[in-house]
N, C-alpha and C. Protein backbone atom coordinates (compact mmCIF):
# COMPACT_ATOMS: atom_id res chain seq x y z
N MET A 1 -3.07 10.12 -15.59
CA MET A 1 -3.30 10.14 -14.17
C MET A 1 -2.50 9.01 -13.50
N GLU A 2 -1.71 9.36 -12.53
CA GLU A 2 -0.98 8.37 -11.75
C GLU A 2 -1.63 8.16 -10.39
N PHE A 3 -1.68 6.99 -9.92
CA PHE A 3 -2.14 6.64 -8.56
C PHE A 3 -1.03 5.81 -7.94
N ARG A 4 -0.18 6.46 -7.13
CA ARG A 4 0.95 5.78 -6.55
C ARG A 4 0.60 5.38 -5.09
N LEU A 5 0.76 4.08 -4.81
CA LEU A 5 0.59 3.62 -3.44
C LEU A 5 1.87 3.95 -2.69
N GLU A 6 1.79 4.81 -1.68
CA GLU A 6 3.00 5.23 -0.97
C GLU A 6 2.97 4.98 0.51
N LEU A 7 1.79 4.64 1.08
CA LEU A 7 1.72 4.41 2.52
C LEU A 7 0.59 3.48 2.82
N VAL A 8 0.89 2.49 3.70
CA VAL A 8 -0.10 1.52 4.19
C VAL A 8 -0.06 1.55 5.71
N ILE A 9 -1.22 1.74 6.32
CA ILE A 9 -1.31 1.75 7.77
C ILE A 9 -1.38 0.28 8.27
N VAL A 10 -0.53 -0.07 9.18
CA VAL A 10 -0.50 -1.43 9.79
C VAL A 10 -0.88 -1.26 11.26
N PRO A 11 -2.11 -1.77 11.63
CA PRO A 11 -2.56 -1.60 12.99
C PRO A 11 -1.79 -2.47 13.97
N VAL A 12 -1.31 -1.89 15.07
CA VAL A 12 -0.54 -2.62 16.06
C VAL A 12 -1.04 -2.26 17.48
N SER A 13 -0.74 -3.14 18.45
CA SER A 13 -1.20 -2.85 19.82
C SER A 13 -0.17 -2.15 20.65
N ASP A 14 1.12 -2.26 20.27
CA ASP A 14 2.22 -1.67 21.03
C ASP A 14 3.14 -1.01 20.02
N VAL A 15 3.08 0.32 19.94
CA VAL A 15 3.86 1.01 18.94
C VAL A 15 5.34 0.83 19.05
N ASP A 16 5.91 0.93 20.26
CA ASP A 16 7.31 0.76 20.44
C ASP A 16 7.78 -0.64 20.07
N ARG A 17 7.02 -1.66 20.44
CA ARG A 17 7.34 -3.05 20.07
C ARG A 17 7.31 -3.21 18.57
N ALA A 18 6.35 -2.63 17.90
CA ALA A 18 6.24 -2.71 16.45
C ALA A 18 7.43 -2.01 15.73
N VAL A 19 7.77 -0.85 16.23
CA VAL A 19 8.90 -0.09 15.66
C VAL A 19 10.19 -0.89 15.81
N ALA A 20 10.38 -1.47 16.99
CA ALA A 20 11.59 -2.26 17.23
C ALA A 20 11.60 -3.50 16.31
N PHE A 21 10.46 -4.16 16.14
CA PHE A 21 10.39 -5.32 15.27
C PHE A 21 10.73 -4.94 13.82
N TYR A 22 10.00 -3.94 13.31
CA TYR A 22 10.21 -3.62 11.90
C TYR A 22 11.61 -3.01 11.64
N SER A 23 12.12 -2.26 12.53
CA SER A 23 13.42 -1.61 12.30
C SER A 23 14.61 -2.50 12.63
N GLU A 24 14.56 -3.15 13.81
CA GLU A 24 15.71 -3.93 14.26
C GLU A 24 15.73 -5.36 13.72
N LYS A 25 14.58 -5.95 13.54
CA LYS A 25 14.53 -7.34 13.05
C LYS A 25 14.38 -7.47 11.55
N VAL A 26 13.48 -6.65 10.95
CA VAL A 26 13.22 -6.74 9.50
C VAL A 26 14.04 -5.77 8.71
N GLY A 27 14.60 -4.74 9.33
CA GLY A 27 15.49 -3.83 8.63
C GLY A 27 14.85 -2.65 7.95
N PHE A 28 13.58 -2.35 8.29
CA PHE A 28 12.94 -1.19 7.71
C PHE A 28 13.58 0.07 8.32
N VAL A 29 13.59 1.14 7.53
CA VAL A 29 14.17 2.41 7.98
C VAL A 29 13.03 3.24 8.65
N VAL A 30 13.35 3.78 9.81
CA VAL A 30 12.38 4.68 10.52
C VAL A 30 12.53 6.04 9.88
N ASP A 31 11.56 6.44 9.10
CA ASP A 31 11.62 7.73 8.42
C ASP A 31 11.31 8.86 9.39
N HIS A 32 10.31 8.72 10.18
CA HIS A 32 10.03 9.70 11.24
C HIS A 32 9.03 9.09 12.26
N ASP A 33 9.11 9.71 13.42
CA ASP A 33 8.30 9.26 14.59
C ASP A 33 7.77 10.53 15.24
N GLN A 34 6.50 10.84 15.01
CA GLN A 34 5.92 12.09 15.51
C GLN A 34 4.77 11.83 16.48
N ARG A 35 4.85 12.44 17.61
CA ARG A 35 3.70 12.42 18.52
C ARG A 35 2.97 13.71 18.30
N VAL A 36 1.79 13.63 17.67
CA VAL A 36 0.99 14.80 17.29
C VAL A 36 0.23 15.33 18.50
N SER A 37 -0.27 14.41 19.33
CA SER A 37 -0.96 14.74 20.55
C SER A 37 -0.94 13.55 21.47
N ASP A 38 -1.60 13.65 22.60
CA ASP A 38 -1.65 12.49 23.50
C ASP A 38 -2.34 11.30 22.88
N ASP A 39 -3.18 11.55 21.91
CA ASP A 39 -3.95 10.48 21.26
C ASP A 39 -3.46 10.04 19.89
N VAL A 40 -2.48 10.75 19.37
CA VAL A 40 -1.98 10.45 18.01
C VAL A 40 -0.44 10.39 17.99
N ARG A 41 0.06 9.26 17.52
CA ARG A 41 1.49 9.10 17.27
C ARG A 41 1.61 8.45 15.88
N PHE A 42 2.48 9.00 15.02
CA PHE A 42 2.64 8.52 13.66
C PHE A 42 4.09 8.16 13.45
N VAL A 43 4.32 6.87 13.15
CA VAL A 43 5.68 6.42 12.83
C VAL A 43 5.63 5.80 11.44
N GLN A 44 6.49 6.37 10.58
CA GLN A 44 6.58 5.87 9.20
C GLN A 44 7.89 5.09 9.02
N LEU A 45 7.77 3.89 8.48
CA LEU A 45 8.92 3.02 8.22
C LEU A 45 8.89 2.56 6.75
N THR A 46 10.10 2.43 6.16
CA THR A 46 10.13 2.06 4.76
C THR A 46 11.08 0.88 4.59
N PRO A 47 10.62 -0.15 3.90
CA PRO A 47 11.49 -1.25 3.57
C PRO A 47 12.61 -0.75 2.63
N PRO A 48 13.87 -1.21 2.83
CA PRO A 48 14.96 -0.78 1.96
C PRO A 48 14.62 -1.02 0.48
N GLY A 49 14.78 0.00 -0.32
CA GLY A 49 14.54 -0.09 -1.78
C GLY A 49 13.07 0.12 -2.19
N SER A 50 12.20 0.33 -1.25
CA SER A 50 10.75 0.46 -1.53
C SER A 50 10.32 1.93 -1.74
N GLN A 51 9.41 2.11 -2.58
CA GLN A 51 8.74 3.39 -2.79
C GLN A 51 7.51 3.52 -1.88
N CYS A 52 7.13 2.45 -1.24
CA CYS A 52 5.95 2.48 -0.36
C CYS A 52 6.39 2.24 1.06
N SER A 53 5.78 3.00 1.98
CA SER A 53 6.12 2.86 3.39
C SER A 53 4.93 2.31 4.16
N ILE A 54 5.18 1.94 5.38
CA ILE A 54 4.08 1.62 6.30
C ILE A 54 4.09 2.63 7.39
N ALA A 55 2.91 2.74 8.05
CA ALA A 55 2.76 3.58 9.25
C ALA A 55 2.20 2.74 10.36
N VAL A 56 2.77 2.86 11.53
CA VAL A 56 2.25 2.29 12.74
C VAL A 56 2.11 3.44 13.72
N GLY A 57 1.22 3.26 14.65
CA GLY A 57 1.09 4.36 15.61
C GLY A 57 -0.11 4.24 16.46
N LEU A 58 -0.44 5.35 17.06
CA LEU A 58 -1.59 5.48 17.94
C LEU A 58 -2.59 6.44 17.30
N GLY A 59 -3.86 6.02 17.22
CA GLY A 59 -4.89 6.89 16.70
C GLY A 59 -4.91 6.97 15.18
N LEU A 60 -4.31 6.01 14.50
CA LEU A 60 -4.22 6.08 13.03
C LEU A 60 -5.30 5.30 12.32
N SER A 61 -5.88 4.31 13.02
CA SER A 61 -6.83 3.41 12.37
C SER A 61 -7.76 2.79 13.41
N ASP A 62 -8.98 2.46 12.95
CA ASP A 62 -9.88 1.71 13.81
C ASP A 62 -9.73 0.21 13.64
N ALA A 63 -8.87 -0.23 12.71
CA ALA A 63 -8.68 -1.63 12.44
C ALA A 63 -8.03 -2.31 13.67
N ALA A 64 -8.42 -3.55 13.84
CA ALA A 64 -7.86 -4.34 14.98
C ALA A 64 -6.37 -4.64 14.75
N PRO A 65 -5.57 -4.55 15.77
CA PRO A 65 -4.14 -4.98 15.62
C PRO A 65 -4.08 -6.40 15.10
N GLY A 66 -3.19 -6.60 14.13
CA GLY A 66 -3.00 -7.92 13.57
C GLY A 66 -3.99 -8.28 12.47
N SER A 67 -4.82 -7.38 12.08
CA SER A 67 -5.86 -7.68 11.08
C SER A 67 -5.42 -7.53 9.62
N VAL A 68 -4.25 -7.03 9.38
CA VAL A 68 -3.78 -6.83 7.99
C VAL A 68 -3.13 -8.14 7.53
N LYS A 69 -3.67 -8.65 6.42
CA LYS A 69 -3.18 -9.87 5.80
C LYS A 69 -2.83 -9.56 4.37
N GLY A 70 -1.83 -10.20 3.81
CA GLY A 70 -1.52 -10.08 2.39
C GLY A 70 -0.59 -8.95 2.02
N LEU A 71 0.09 -8.33 2.96
CA LEU A 71 1.11 -7.39 2.59
C LEU A 71 2.21 -8.12 1.93
N GLN A 72 2.85 -7.56 0.89
CA GLN A 72 3.87 -8.30 0.14
C GLN A 72 5.04 -7.38 -0.21
N VAL A 73 6.22 -7.92 0.02
CA VAL A 73 7.44 -7.27 -0.44
C VAL A 73 8.10 -8.19 -1.46
N VAL A 74 8.88 -7.61 -2.36
CA VAL A 74 9.55 -8.37 -3.36
C VAL A 74 11.05 -8.30 -3.12
N VAL A 75 11.72 -9.43 -3.23
CA VAL A 75 13.20 -9.49 -2.99
C VAL A 75 13.85 -10.17 -4.22
N ASP A 76 15.17 -10.01 -4.30
CA ASP A 76 15.91 -10.66 -5.37
C ASP A 76 16.10 -12.13 -5.13
N ASP A 77 16.24 -12.52 -3.83
CA ASP A 77 16.54 -13.91 -3.46
C ASP A 77 15.72 -14.33 -2.25
N ALA A 78 14.74 -15.16 -2.45
CA ALA A 78 13.88 -15.59 -1.35
C ALA A 78 14.61 -16.39 -0.31
N ASP A 79 15.60 -17.18 -0.69
CA ASP A 79 16.35 -17.96 0.28
C ASP A 79 17.17 -17.04 1.17
N ALA A 80 17.82 -16.05 0.58
CA ALA A 80 18.60 -15.10 1.33
C ALA A 80 17.68 -14.29 2.27
N ALA A 81 16.51 -13.90 1.79
CA ALA A 81 15.57 -13.17 2.64
C ALA A 81 15.13 -13.99 3.83
N ARG A 82 14.83 -15.26 3.60
CA ARG A 82 14.43 -16.14 4.69
C ARG A 82 15.56 -16.29 5.68
N ALA A 83 16.76 -16.48 5.18
CA ALA A 83 17.95 -16.60 6.10
C ALA A 83 18.09 -15.37 6.95
N PHE A 84 17.95 -14.22 6.34
CA PHE A 84 18.04 -12.93 7.08
C PHE A 84 16.95 -12.85 8.17
N LEU A 85 15.75 -13.21 7.84
CA LEU A 85 14.67 -13.18 8.82
C LEU A 85 14.93 -14.15 9.98
N VAL A 86 15.30 -15.36 9.63
CA VAL A 86 15.58 -16.37 10.66
C VAL A 86 16.75 -15.92 11.58
N GLU A 87 17.80 -15.38 10.95
CA GLU A 87 18.95 -14.92 11.74
C GLU A 87 18.58 -13.81 12.69
N HIS A 88 17.49 -13.06 12.36
CA HIS A 88 17.04 -11.99 13.24
C HIS A 88 15.89 -12.45 14.16
N GLY A 89 15.73 -13.75 14.29
CA GLY A 89 14.79 -14.25 15.25
C GLY A 89 13.35 -14.29 14.81
N ILE A 90 13.13 -14.21 13.50
CA ILE A 90 11.75 -14.24 12.95
C ILE A 90 11.44 -15.60 12.40
N ASP A 91 10.30 -16.07 12.77
CA ASP A 91 9.85 -17.38 12.27
C ASP A 91 9.33 -17.21 10.81
N ALA A 92 10.14 -17.70 9.86
CA ALA A 92 9.82 -17.60 8.46
C ALA A 92 9.76 -18.99 7.90
N PRO A 93 8.70 -19.36 7.19
CA PRO A 93 8.58 -20.72 6.65
C PRO A 93 9.58 -21.00 5.56
N GLU A 94 9.80 -22.26 5.31
CA GLU A 94 10.66 -22.67 4.20
C GLU A 94 10.17 -21.97 2.92
N VAL A 95 11.06 -21.70 2.01
CA VAL A 95 10.72 -21.11 0.70
C VAL A 95 9.90 -22.13 -0.10
N GLN A 96 8.80 -21.64 -0.63
CA GLN A 96 7.96 -22.50 -1.52
C GLN A 96 8.09 -21.91 -2.94
N GLU A 97 8.07 -22.82 -3.90
CA GLU A 97 8.21 -22.43 -5.27
C GLU A 97 6.88 -22.66 -6.02
N PHE A 98 6.45 -21.63 -6.77
CA PHE A 98 5.27 -21.65 -7.58
C PHE A 98 5.61 -21.07 -8.96
N PRO A 99 4.80 -21.30 -9.98
CA PRO A 99 5.07 -20.71 -11.26
C PRO A 99 5.16 -19.17 -11.22
N TRP A 100 4.50 -18.51 -10.30
CA TRP A 100 4.49 -17.09 -10.19
C TRP A 100 5.51 -16.51 -9.20
N GLY A 101 6.42 -17.36 -8.69
CA GLY A 101 7.47 -16.88 -7.85
C GLY A 101 7.78 -17.83 -6.68
N ARG A 102 8.84 -17.45 -5.97
CA ARG A 102 9.25 -18.19 -4.80
C ARG A 102 8.90 -17.39 -3.55
N PHE A 103 8.33 -18.03 -2.53
CA PHE A 103 7.79 -17.26 -1.42
C PHE A 103 8.22 -17.80 -0.06
N THR A 104 8.38 -16.85 0.88
CA THR A 104 8.42 -17.12 2.29
C THR A 104 7.55 -16.03 2.91
N GLY A 105 7.67 -15.79 4.21
CA GLY A 105 6.88 -14.69 4.79
C GLY A 105 7.12 -14.58 6.28
N PHE A 106 6.41 -13.75 6.92
CA PHE A 106 6.52 -13.56 8.35
C PHE A 106 5.31 -12.87 8.89
N ARG A 107 5.19 -12.88 10.19
CA ARG A 107 4.15 -12.12 10.91
C ARG A 107 4.84 -11.20 11.90
N ASP A 108 4.23 -10.03 12.09
CA ASP A 108 4.75 -9.15 13.14
C ASP A 108 4.20 -9.61 14.47
N PRO A 109 4.63 -9.00 15.59
CA PRO A 109 4.18 -9.46 16.91
C PRO A 109 2.68 -9.43 17.10
N ASP A 110 1.92 -8.62 16.34
CA ASP A 110 0.50 -8.61 16.48
C ASP A 110 -0.21 -9.60 15.54
N GLY A 111 0.53 -10.19 14.59
CA GLY A 111 -0.05 -11.14 13.67
C GLY A 111 -0.34 -10.59 12.29
N ASN A 112 0.01 -9.34 12.00
CA ASN A 112 -0.08 -8.83 10.64
C ASN A 112 0.78 -9.70 9.74
N GLU A 113 0.24 -10.15 8.60
CA GLU A 113 0.95 -11.13 7.81
C GLU A 113 1.59 -10.52 6.55
N TRP A 114 2.84 -10.89 6.32
CA TRP A 114 3.61 -10.43 5.16
C TRP A 114 4.04 -11.65 4.34
N SER A 115 3.97 -11.42 3.05
CA SER A 115 4.51 -12.42 2.07
C SER A 115 5.80 -11.80 1.46
N VAL A 116 6.78 -12.65 1.27
CA VAL A 116 8.05 -12.23 0.72
C VAL A 116 8.21 -12.99 -0.59
N GLN A 117 8.23 -12.30 -1.74
CA GLN A 117 8.26 -12.96 -3.05
C GLN A 117 9.52 -12.65 -3.81
N GLN A 118 10.05 -13.70 -4.36
CA GLN A 118 11.07 -13.57 -5.39
C GLN A 118 10.39 -13.80 -6.72
N LEU A 119 10.44 -12.82 -7.58
CA LEU A 119 9.75 -12.93 -8.87
C LEU A 119 10.34 -14.01 -9.73
N PRO A 120 9.53 -14.67 -10.58
CA PRO A 120 10.12 -15.70 -11.47
C PRO A 120 11.01 -15.09 -12.52
N ALA A 121 11.95 -15.88 -12.98
CA ALA A 121 12.97 -15.36 -13.96
C ALA A 121 12.27 -14.86 -15.23
N TRP A 122 11.19 -15.46 -15.66
CA TRP A 122 10.54 -15.02 -16.89
C TRP A 122 9.96 -13.64 -16.78
N ARG A 123 9.80 -13.12 -15.54
CA ARG A 123 9.27 -11.76 -15.39
C ARG A 123 10.24 -10.67 -15.86
N GLY A 124 11.55 -11.06 -15.91
CA GLY A 124 12.59 -10.21 -16.37
C GLY A 124 12.59 -8.93 -15.74
């Protein structure tokens, strides 16, 4: 039995602002943007190289915008990832090093929090 995580809903207050942030600043690919009705809009975005996407939209969740904490993406180089984020106008903290990896991160305009991890070399 396989259980593949393929989609995470990220609650936002302004769909267009969120789509612009994730696509233009962070570099996620907009897979599709569908308005199902006046009350439902579904936008799926995927980080480059990821098998899991996020969805932002209207009528997708009762969760408060900005309430998602602990989302994590993995990169080959945390310093390069931070530089990319900063160059695109995103406030990303200095890279911190821990035995379990090197980390930076960012928040979207609503405050949803992302961690960006470079896996340690021993993980191979």
